[in-house]
Amino acid sequence: MAEDKVYKYLNPAGITDPVDTSALAPRLSTLDGKEIYFSITGEPDITIPLEKKLKMDYPNVNWKIKKTYGIEPVRLSKEEMKTADGLIQAICW
């Protein structure tokens, strides 16, 4: 009978060991008035609603959007790296 069957499976995610993380830069105290780059590479699937949501939720951020729908990532220029307060790098395939 179907009730008598027992199914066993392995979790495909496996068991991961805890790791230590460290920040690459200090966390910003506020996003208001900051210049944040949103760099999008690949297919524009979730990035279209994400861009709209970020702009709606954080209207006081000076958003700079860079897009390419190819395989080569969009890179910030040296001048952009000097002036940027933050970067969101989105790669979608």
Protein backbone atom coordinates (compact mmCIF):
# COMPACT_ATOMS: atom_id res chain seq x y z
CA MET A 1 0.00 0.00 0.00
CA ALA A 2 1.06 3.61 -0.54
CA GLU A 3 1.00 4.38 3.22
CA ASP A 4 3.67 1.74 3.85
CA LYS A 5 6.26 3.30 1.56
CA VAL A 6 9.13 5.18 3.14
CA TYR A 7 11.13 7.54 0.97
CA LYS A 8 14.69 8.53 1.87
CA TYR A 9 16.62 11.30 0.17
CA LEU A 10 19.77 13.36 0.56
CA ASN A 11 19.67 17.13 0.78
CA PRO A 12 21.23 18.38 -2.51
CA ALA A 13 22.55 21.46 -0.70
CA GLY A 14 24.70 19.24 1.48
CA ILE A 15 26.12 20.20 4.84
CA THR A 16 28.19 23.35 4.89
CA ASP A 17 30.80 24.30 7.43
CA PRO A 18 30.50 27.74 9.04
CA VAL A 19 32.85 30.35 7.59
CA ASP A 20 34.16 33.66 8.87
CA THR A 21 33.24 36.73 6.83
CA SER A 22 34.84 40.14 6.74
CA ALA A 23 33.63 43.36 5.13
CA LEU A 24 35.50 44.80 2.16
CA ALA A 25 34.52 48.32 3.23
CA PRO A 26 32.85 49.91 6.23
CA ARG A 27 29.05 49.95 6.20
CA LEU A 28 27.49 53.30 5.25
CA SER A 29 25.69 54.99 8.15
CA THR A 30 22.97 56.25 5.78
CA LEU A 31 22.08 55.96 2.10
CA ASP A 32 20.49 59.42 1.90
CA GLY A 33 22.39 61.60 -0.57
CA LYS A 34 24.83 58.81 -1.47
CA GLU A 35 25.84 57.90 -5.02
CA ILE A 36 25.15 54.21 -5.59
CA TYR A 37 25.89 52.47 -8.88
CA PHE A 38 23.60 49.67 -10.05
CA SER A 39 25.54 47.68 -12.63
CA ILE A 40 23.57 45.07 -14.59
CA THR A 41 25.09 42.40 -16.84
CA GLY A 42 23.16 39.68 -18.67
CA GLU A 43 19.44 39.17 -19.13
CA PRO A 44 17.18 41.93 -17.76
CA ASP A 45 14.91 39.53 -15.88
CA ILE A 46 14.67 40.39 -12.18
CA THR A 47 16.78 43.52 -12.51
CA ILE A 48 13.96 45.56 -14.07
CA PRO A 49 11.61 45.25 -11.07
CA LEU A 50 14.59 45.40 -8.67
CA GLU A 51 15.72 48.73 -10.13
CA LYS A 52 12.17 50.14 -9.80
CA LYS A 53 11.86 48.85 -6.23
CA LEU A 54 15.23 50.28 -5.14
CA LYS A 55 14.39 53.70 -6.61
CA MET A 56 10.98 53.63 -4.93
CA ASP A 57 12.28 52.47 -1.52
CA TYR A 58 15.34 54.77 -1.52
CA PRO A 59 14.29 57.99 -3.29
CA ASN A 60 17.04 60.09 -1.66
CA VAL A 61 19.82 57.99 -3.21
CA ASN A 62 21.56 59.30 -6.31
CA TRP A 63 21.20 56.12 -8.43
CA LYS A 64 23.59 55.61 -11.37
CA ILE A 65 22.48 52.76 -13.64
CA LYS A 66 24.90 50.96 -15.97
CA LYS A 67 23.59 48.14 -18.18
CA THR A 68 24.87 45.73 -20.75
CA TYR A 69 22.89 42.78 -22.00
CA GLY A 70 25.91 40.84 -23.20
CA ILE A 71 28.40 38.58 -21.47
CA GLU A 72 31.01 41.21 -20.64
CA PRO A 73 30.44 42.82 -17.21
CA VAL A 74 29.96 46.56 -16.93
CA ARG A 75 32.97 48.07 -15.25
CA LEU A 76 33.15 51.36 -13.42
CA SER A 77 35.69 53.86 -14.70
CA LYS A 78 38.45 55.02 -12.36
CA GLU A 79 36.61 58.33 -11.90
CA GLU A 80 33.36 56.52 -11.06
CA MET A 81 35.20 54.36 -8.53
CA LYS A 82 36.54 57.49 -6.84
CA THR A 83 33.11 59.15 -6.54
CA ALA A 84 30.88 56.12 -5.87
CA ASP A 85 29.67 55.50 -2.33
CA GLY A 86 28.46 52.00 -3.18
CA LEU A 87 27.88 49.43 -5.92
CA ILE A 88 25.27 46.77 -6.58
CA GLN A 89 26.60 44.34 -9.20
CA ALA A 90 23.83 42.24 -10.75
CA ILE A 91 24.72 39.36 -13.09
CA CYS A 92 21.75 37.46 -14.49
CA TRP A 93 21.65 34.59 -16.97
